[in-house]
Amino acid sequence: MLQRLTESIKKNTPYYIFFCLLVILLTLTAMSSAFQHFYADKSLPQVKTLHYQIVFNLSLWLWWALIYPLLYYFSVQIKEKKGYFSSWIVYVIILPVVLSVLHQTFATIIRYQYPVPMDFISLLGNRIFRFLSIWVDWSVYLVIMISLYLIDFQKTFKANEIKLAKLQNEYVQSKLHALKSQLHPHFLFNTLNTLSTLILKNDNAEAERMIALLNGFLKTTLQEGNILEVTLADELQYIRQYLEIEKVRFSDKLTVQEDLEPEALLVKVPSFLLQPIVENSIHHAIAKRTSDGRILISAKLQHEKLYISVEDNGPGNGSGHMKKSKEGIGLKVTRDRLQYLFAEMYELTSRQTETGGLCIQIVIPQY
């Protein structure tokens, strides 16, 4: 059992570090006590021997290090049985008294190896009832047990912190999945509405083409459904699939341009980040134009931040600033997702361009 406790202490770094510190502190206390008694206590001839004082005090103080595995076992028992008054009586009153008596018996045996002017029982009685030794023992016992309790409390506190962080992360992940799932029905509604329009117009060729594009788009959506972050390059590939579907709807009315820095394409972004923003441009700009609709997607990496902008040449919103109260569900979900992921370390802003269109910009830290 003692061997198992020792191995358990060695595997438990905080307890092992405390044991090493305890040994150092006890050794220093023993040596200090030895020199103090050697130079100060002249009542008995044998105390003049420095060798005796060192051996006796080292044996006296390092006894606590010797029974440290036992104290560790007791601290575990206290934790498992806390809340019981009888256990408190045993571990706080009875046990330290028993250990102190054993300790003083051990000290008397060591002391009795040298000539003393009294018998063993009298010497033991003096150490237990007349000296302050037993109170010192009780104090050392309580200090060690309280230290072990504090170590256990710190470990439990850290474990709870890790558990709480894990739960918070799982909550955020589930919230992000829930927010992201709101984007797909919104997009599908618009796409199916366009598809029904094509069917009503008997434009079967374009309807078939849209169905084929939608099939590929949904396959990508399903494959990346559980992925919360992708590279910007992968995100843009997904956007290109989406825009191909929209081009069926708007034909030559929609032109897409890209201005992308190669370094920016490697940065991770939340999956499906740009689709609602591009959809916003489609709905508020391209759909309101009769010709020459243009969307410009830009991305650059600067000062460890990723700048992404989606600019259109539509009529804008007149104010040059996007108000949260007027945001559609897609932009609202995007803002919520960025808030969950980056707290206050993101930006989602809009401005009116010189041509009268709207530029929506996202700034997120590189991660």
Protein backbone atom coordinates (compact mmCIF):
# COMPACT_ATOMS: atom_id res chain seq x y z
CA MET A 1 0.00 0.00 0.00
CA LEU A 2 2.84 2.40 0.92
CA GLN A 3 4.49 1.71 -2.43
CA ARG A 4 1.24 2.44 -4.30
CA LEU A 5 0.83 5.72 -2.38
CA THR A 6 4.42 6.73 -3.17
CA GLU A 7 3.93 6.00 -6.87
CA SER A 8 0.67 7.95 -6.82
CA ILE A 9 2.45 10.96 -5.30
CA LYS A 10 5.21 10.83 -7.93
CA LYS A 11 2.61 10.81 -10.73
CA ASN A 12 0.76 13.72 -9.11
CA THR A 13 3.10 16.63 -9.82
CA PRO A 14 1.68 19.17 -7.30
CA TYR A 15 1.85 16.65 -4.45
CA TYR A 16 5.37 15.59 -5.43
CA ILE A 17 6.56 19.22 -5.60
CA PHE A 18 5.05 19.88 -2.18
CA PHE A 19 6.85 16.79 -0.83
CA CYS A 20 10.20 18.05 -2.17
CA LEU A 21 9.61 21.49 -0.66
CA LEU A 22 8.59 19.86 2.62
CA VAL A 23 11.81 17.84 2.74
CA ILE A 24 13.87 20.98 2.11
CA LEU A 25 11.99 22.98 4.76
CA LEU A 26 12.22 20.20 7.34
CA THR A 27 15.95 19.73 6.67
CA LEU A 28 16.62 23.46 7.09
CA THR A 29 14.56 23.52 10.29
CA ALA A 30 16.44 20.49 11.64
CA MET A 31 19.86 21.97 10.89
CA SER A 32 18.86 25.32 12.41
CA SER A 33 17.57 23.58 15.52
CA ALA A 34 20.74 21.47 15.77
CA PHE A 35 23.06 24.45 15.71
CA GLN A 36 20.84 26.41 18.06
CA HIS A 37 20.82 23.64 20.67
CA PHE A 38 24.53 22.95 20.25
CA TYR A 39 25.52 26.54 20.94
CA ALA A 40 22.74 27.54 23.36
CA ASP A 41 21.76 24.50 25.45
CA LYS A 42 24.54 23.61 27.94
CA SER A 43 22.38 21.71 30.42
CA LEU A 44 23.51 18.20 29.36
CA PRO A 45 26.98 17.06 28.39
CA GLN A 46 25.87 15.19 25.27
CA VAL A 47 24.38 18.31 23.67
CA LYS A 48 27.90 19.63 23.24
CA THR A 49 28.31 17.07 20.44
CA LEU A 50 27.29 18.65 17.16
CA HIS A 51 27.04 15.21 15.54
CA TYR A 52 24.42 14.20 18.10
CA GLN A 53 22.37 17.36 17.55
CA ILE A 54 22.40 16.98 13.76
CA VAL A 55 21.43 13.28 13.84
CA PHE A 56 18.75 13.81 16.46
CA ASN A 57 17.13 16.86 14.83
CA LEU A 58 17.23 15.38 11.32
CA SER A 59 15.56 12.23 12.63
CA LEU A 60 13.03 14.29 14.58
CA TRP A 61 11.94 16.56 11.72
CA LEU A 62 12.33 14.29 8.68
CA TRP A 63 9.99 11.81 10.36
CA TRP A 64 7.17 13.90 8.88
CA ALA A 65 8.58 13.41 5.39
CA LEU A 66 8.80 9.68 6.08
CA ILE A 67 5.07 9.44 6.87
CA TYR A 68 4.07 11.89 4.10
CA PRO A 69 2.50 9.09 1.97
CA LEU A 70 0.35 8.18 4.98
CA LEU A 71 -0.76 11.80 5.41
CA TYR A 72 -1.54 11.93 1.69
CA TYR A 73 -3.74 8.85 2.16
CA PHE A 74 -5.51 10.51 5.09
CA SER A 75 -6.15 13.65 3.03
CA VAL A 76 -7.78 11.50 0.33
CA GLN A 77 -9.95 9.84 2.96
CA ILE A 78 -11.01 13.23 4.34
CA LYS A 79 -12.08 14.32 0.84
CA GLU A 80 -14.09 11.16 0.28
CA LYS A 81 -15.76 11.29 3.71
CA LYS A 82 -16.19 15.02 4.15
CA GLY A 83 -19.44 16.05 5.77
CA TYR A 84 -19.28 13.43 8.50
CA PHE A 85 -18.67 14.84 11.99
CA SER A 86 -17.06 11.60 13.19
CA SER A 87 -14.50 11.77 10.39
CA TRP A 88 -13.68 15.35 11.35
CA ILE A 89 -13.09 14.27 14.95
CA VAL A 90 -10.81 11.43 13.82
CA TYR A 91 -8.69 13.40 11.36
CA VAL A 92 -8.44 16.69 13.24
CA ILE A 93 -8.17 15.55 16.88
CA ILE A 94 -7.56 11.82 17.39
CA LEU A 95 -5.18 11.19 14.48
CA PRO A 96 -2.75 14.06 15.21
CA VAL A 97 -2.61 12.99 18.89
CA VAL A 98 -1.79 9.39 17.89
CA LEU A 99 0.83 10.52 15.36
CA SER A 100 2.37 12.91 17.88
CA VAL A 101 2.70 10.15 20.49
CA LEU A 102 4.29 7.86 17.89
CA HIS A 103 6.60 10.66 16.81
CA GLN A 104 7.72 11.41 20.36
CA THR A 105 8.25 7.69 20.98
CA PHE A 106 10.45 7.60 17.85
CA ALA A 107 12.33 10.70 19.08
CA THR A 108 12.82 9.17 22.53
CA ILE A 109 14.30 6.01 20.97
CA ILE A 110 16.79 8.15 19.02
CA ARG A 111 17.58 10.24 22.12
CA TYR A 112 18.01 7.14 24.26
CA GLN A 113 20.89 5.97 22.07
CA TYR A 114 22.98 8.54 23.95
CA PRO A 115 23.54 8.59 27.74
CA VAL A 116 20.67 10.31 29.54
CA PRO A 117 20.10 10.74 33.29
CA MET A 118 16.63 9.09 33.28
CA ASP A 119 14.88 5.92 32.17
CA PHE A 120 13.03 5.53 28.84
CA ILE A 121 9.49 5.93 30.24
CA SER A 122 10.38 9.09 32.17
CA LEU A 123 12.06 10.59 29.10
CA LEU A 124 9.04 9.74 26.95
CA GLY A 125 6.70 11.21 29.54
CA ASN A 126 8.69 14.42 29.64
CA ARG A 127 8.56 14.76 25.84
CA ILE A 128 4.79 14.17 25.73
CA PHE A 129 3.53 16.02 28.82
CA ARG A 130 6.17 18.53 29.88
CA PHE A 131 7.79 19.73 26.66
CA LEU A 132 6.10 21.64 23.84
CA SER A 133 6.96 18.86 21.40
CA ILE A 134 3.47 17.43 21.08
CA TRP A 135 2.02 20.87 20.26
CA VAL A 136 4.69 21.40 17.64
CA ASP A 137 3.78 18.01 16.18
CA TRP A 138 0.11 18.91 16.09
CA SER A 139 0.91 22.21 14.35
CA VAL A 140 3.11 20.51 11.73
CA TYR A 141 0.42 17.89 11.11
CA LEU A 142 -2.25 20.54 10.57
CA VAL A 143 0.00 22.60 8.29
CA ILE A 144 0.71 19.56 6.10
CA MET A 145 -2.94 18.46 6.00
CA ILE A 146 -4.17 21.98 5.20
CA SER A 147 -1.54 22.25 2.44
CA LEU A 148 -2.68 18.93 0.96
CA TYR A 149 -6.28 20.15 1.12
CA LEU A 150 -5.35 23.40 -0.66
CA ILE A 151 -3.50 21.45 -3.37
CA ASP A 152 -6.57 19.27 -3.87
CA PHE A 153 -8.80 22.36 -3.90
CA GLN A 154 -6.62 24.00 -6.54
CA LYS A 155 -6.65 20.85 -8.69
CA THR A 156 -10.42 20.59 -8.37
CA PHE A 157 -10.79 24.29 -9.20
CA LYS A 158 -8.64 23.92 -12.33
CA ALA A 159 -10.53 20.78 -13.35
CA ASN A 160 -13.83 22.64 -12.95
CA GLU A 161 -12.44 25.53 -14.97
CA ILE A 162 -11.49 23.16 -17.78
CA LYS A 163 -14.89 21.48 -17.59
CA LEU A 164 -16.65 24.87 -17.64
CA ALA A 165 -14.55 26.02 -20.61
CA LYS A 166 -15.40 22.78 -22.41
CA LEU A 167 -19.10 23.23 -21.71
CA GLN A 168 -18.95 26.85 -22.86
CA ASN A 169 -17.14 25.79 -26.02
CA GLU A 170 -19.73 23.09 -26.68
CA TYR A 171 -22.49 25.66 -26.13
CA VAL A 172 -20.87 28.11 -28.54
CA GLN A 173 -20.35 25.35 -31.10
CA SER A 174 -23.97 24.25 -30.87
CA LYS A 175 -25.10 27.89 -31.07
CA LEU A 176 -22.96 28.45 -34.15
CA HIS A 177 -24.36 25.31 -35.77
CA ALA A 178 -27.87 26.53 -35.01
CA LEU A 179 -27.16 29.98 -36.44
CA LYS A 180 -25.51 28.54 -39.53
CA SER A 181 -28.43 26.21 -40.14
CA GLN A 182 -30.70 29.27 -40.43
CA LEU A 183 -28.84 30.35 -43.57
CA HIS A 184 -29.73 27.32 -45.67
CA PRO A 185 -33.55 27.50 -45.53
CA HIS A 186 -33.30 31.22 -46.32
CA PHE A 187 -31.17 30.56 -49.38
CA LEU A 188 -33.25 27.58 -50.50
CA PHE A 189 -36.43 29.65 -50.35
CA ASN A 190 -34.95 32.24 -52.75
CA THR A 191 -33.49 29.60 -55.06
CA LEU A 192 -36.69 27.56 -55.26
CA ASN A 193 -38.63 30.76 -55.92
CA THR A 194 -36.32 31.49 -58.88
CA LEU A 195 -36.66 27.90 -60.06
CA SER A 196 -40.45 28.07 -59.98
CA THR A 197 -40.29 31.31 -61.98
CA LEU A 198 -38.19 29.60 -64.65
CA ILE A 199 -40.65 26.71 -64.82
CA LEU A 200 -43.58 29.11 -65.18
CA LYS A 201 -41.74 30.78 -68.04
CA ASN A 202 -41.22 27.35 -69.64
CA ASP A 203 -37.48 27.97 -69.58
CA ASN A 204 -36.75 24.29 -69.07
CA ALA A 205 -33.10 24.48 -70.14
CA GLU A 206 -32.26 27.08 -67.54
CA ALA A 207 -34.40 25.28 -64.96
CA GLU A 208 -32.46 22.04 -65.55
CA ARG A 209 -29.18 23.94 -65.36
CA MET A 210 -30.22 25.51 -62.06
CA ILE A 211 -31.23 22.13 -60.64
CA ALA A 212 -27.82 20.71 -61.59
CA LEU A 213 -26.05 23.68 -60.00
CA LEU A 214 -28.25 23.45 -56.92
CA ASN A 215 -27.43 19.73 -56.64
CA GLY A 216 -23.70 20.47 -56.58
CA PHE A 217 -24.20 23.37 -54.17
CA LEU A 218 -26.19 21.24 -51.72
CA LYS A 219 -23.57 18.48 -51.86
CA THR A 220 -20.95 21.03 -50.78
CA THR A 221 -23.30 22.27 -48.07
CA LEU A 222 -23.77 18.76 -46.71
CA GLN A 223 -20.06 17.98 -46.82
CA GLU A 224 -19.18 21.14 -44.92
CA GLY A 225 -22.27 21.12 -42.69
CA ASN A 226 -20.34 20.17 -39.53
CA ILE A 227 -17.23 22.22 -40.33
CA LEU A 228 -17.16 25.51 -38.49
CA GLU A 229 -14.14 27.00 -40.22
CA VAL A 230 -12.53 26.69 -43.65
CA THR A 231 -9.84 28.54 -45.55
CA LEU A 232 -10.93 31.64 -47.40
CA ALA A 233 -10.04 29.83 -50.64
CA ASP A 234 -12.57 27.08 -49.85
CA GLU A 235 -15.17 29.65 -48.79
CA LEU A 236 -14.76 31.50 -52.10
CA GLN A 237 -15.14 28.25 -54.02
CA TYR A 238 -18.45 27.76 -52.25
CA ILE A 239 -19.47 31.38 -53.10
CA ARG A 240 -18.63 30.81 -56.75
CA GLN A 241 -21.03 27.86 -56.78
CA TYR A 242 -23.70 30.06 -55.24
CA LEU A 243 -23.11 32.85 -57.77
CA GLU A 244 -23.36 30.40 -60.66
CA ILE A 245 -26.90 29.67 -59.48
CA GLU A 246 -27.66 33.37 -59.28
CA LYS A 247 -26.25 33.92 -62.77
CA VAL A 248 -28.94 31.57 -64.08
CA ARG A 249 -31.46 33.97 -62.60
CA PHE A 250 -29.84 37.22 -63.76
CA SER A 251 -27.94 36.01 -66.84
CA ASP A 252 -25.67 38.76 -68.25
CA LYS A 253 -27.03 41.20 -65.72
CA LEU A 254 -24.56 39.92 -63.09
CA THR A 255 -20.78 40.25 -63.28
CA VAL A 256 -18.48 39.08 -60.48
CA GLN A 257 -14.95 40.41 -59.96
CA GLU A 258 -12.34 39.34 -57.44
CA ASP A 259 -9.37 41.16 -55.91
CA LEU A 260 -7.69 38.65 -53.64
CA GLU A 261 -4.24 38.58 -52.05
CA PRO A 262 -2.71 35.07 -52.17
CA GLU A 263 -1.80 35.21 -48.45
CA ALA A 264 -5.38 36.00 -47.50
CA LEU A 265 -6.66 32.83 -49.19
CA LEU A 266 -4.88 30.68 -46.59
CA VAL A 267 -6.54 32.29 -43.58
CA LYS A 268 -9.29 30.36 -41.78
CA VAL A 269 -12.75 31.93 -41.73
CA PRO A 270 -16.13 30.76 -40.40
CA SER A 271 -17.75 28.52 -43.02
CA PHE A 272 -20.58 30.07 -45.04
CA LEU A 273 -19.42 33.52 -43.92
CA LEU A 274 -19.79 35.34 -47.24
CA GLN A 275 -22.95 33.77 -48.65
CA PRO A 276 -25.44 35.97 -46.74
CA ILE A 277 -23.39 39.09 -47.55
CA VAL A 278 -23.26 38.28 -51.26
CA GLU A 279 -26.95 37.42 -51.11
CA ASN A 280 -27.59 40.85 -49.58
CA SER A 281 -25.91 42.46 -52.59
CA ILE A 282 -27.92 40.28 -54.95
CA HIS A 283 -31.21 41.20 -53.29
CA HIS A 284 -30.64 44.93 -52.69
CA ALA A 285 -28.45 45.84 -55.66
CA ILE A 286 -28.40 43.42 -58.59
CA ALA A 287 -32.12 42.64 -58.49
CA LYS A 288 -32.93 46.37 -58.69
CA ARG A 289 -30.76 47.05 -61.73
CA THR A 290 -31.80 46.52 -65.33
CA SER A 291 -28.25 45.83 -66.54
CA ASP A 292 -24.55 45.86 -65.70
CA GLY A 293 -24.87 44.57 -62.14
CA ARG A 294 -21.45 44.10 -60.57
CA ILE A 295 -20.17 42.50 -57.38
CA LEU A 296 -16.55 42.91 -56.30
CA ILE A 297 -15.14 40.54 -53.66
CA SER A 298 -11.85 41.69 -52.11
CA ALA A 299 -9.61 40.20 -49.45
CA LYS A 300 -6.29 41.24 -47.96
CA LEU A 301 -4.19 40.41 -44.92
CA GLN A 302 -2.86 43.35 -42.94
CA HIS A 303 -1.46 43.62 -39.39
CA GLU A 304 -2.56 40.03 -38.59
CA LYS A 305 -6.14 40.88 -39.52
CA LEU A 306 -8.16 39.68 -42.47
CA TYR A 307 -10.10 42.33 -44.37
CA ILE A 308 -12.91 41.02 -46.58
CA SER A 309 -15.25 43.28 -48.49
CA VAL A 310 -18.19 42.69 -50.79
CA GLU A 311 -19.01 45.72 -52.93
CA ASP A 312 -21.87 46.21 -55.39
CA ASN A 313 -22.91 49.00 -57.73
CA GLY A 314 -26.54 49.05 -56.72
CA PRO A 315 -28.54 51.93 -55.27
CA GLY A 316 -27.25 51.24 -51.74
CA ASN A 317 -29.44 52.18 -48.80
CA GLY A 318 -29.11 55.94 -48.96
CA SER A 319 -27.36 56.34 -45.61
CA GLY A 320 -24.04 54.65 -46.29
CA HIS A 321 -24.35 52.77 -43.00
CA MET A 322 -26.08 49.52 -42.30
CA LYS A 323 -28.39 49.66 -39.28
CA LYS A 324 -28.83 46.52 -37.22
CA SER A 325 -32.58 47.06 -37.01
CA LYS A 326 -32.85 46.91 -40.82
CA GLU A 327 -30.58 43.92 -41.34
CA GLY A 328 -32.03 40.86 -43.00
CA ILE A 329 -31.85 37.48 -41.34
CA GLY A 330 -28.66 36.56 -43.23
CA LEU A 331 -26.67 39.58 -42.05
CA LYS A 332 -28.08 39.29 -38.53
CA VAL A 333 -26.99 35.66 -38.33
CA THR A 334 -23.55 36.62 -39.67
CA ARG A 335 -23.18 39.32 -37.02
CA ASP A 336 -24.28 36.89 -34.28
CA ARG A 337 -21.82 34.25 -35.46
CA LEU A 338 -18.94 36.73 -35.50
CA GLN A 339 -19.93 37.92 -32.03
CA TYR A 340 -19.82 34.36 -30.67
CA LEU A 341 -16.48 33.64 -32.32
CA PHE A 342 -14.59 36.89 -31.82
CA ALA A 343 -16.50 38.85 -29.13
CA GLU A 344 -15.48 42.49 -29.68
CA MET A 345 -12.50 41.64 -31.89
CA TYR A 346 -14.41 41.79 -35.17
CA GLU A 347 -15.93 44.49 -37.36
CA LEU A 348 -18.93 44.31 -39.66
CA THR A 349 -19.51 47.68 -41.26
CA SER A 350 -20.91 49.19 -44.44
CA ARG A 351 -20.32 52.33 -46.42
CA GLN A 352 -21.76 53.86 -49.53
CA THR A 353 -19.39 53.79 -52.50
CA GLU A 354 -18.67 56.62 -54.89
CA THR A 355 -20.83 54.90 -57.51
CA GLY A 356 -23.78 54.77 -55.14
CA GLY A 357 -23.46 51.12 -54.28
CA LEU A 358 -22.85 49.52 -50.92
CA CYS A 359 -19.62 48.00 -49.58
CA ILE A 360 -19.89 45.64 -46.63
CA GLN A 361 -16.60 44.94 -44.89
CA ILE A 362 -15.66 42.27 -42.38
CA VAL A 363 -12.49 42.50 -40.32
CA ILE A 364 -11.51 39.48 -38.23
CA PRO A 365 -8.27 38.48 -36.50
CA GLN A 366 -6.11 35.94 -38.28
CA TYR A 367 -6.63 32.50 -36.68
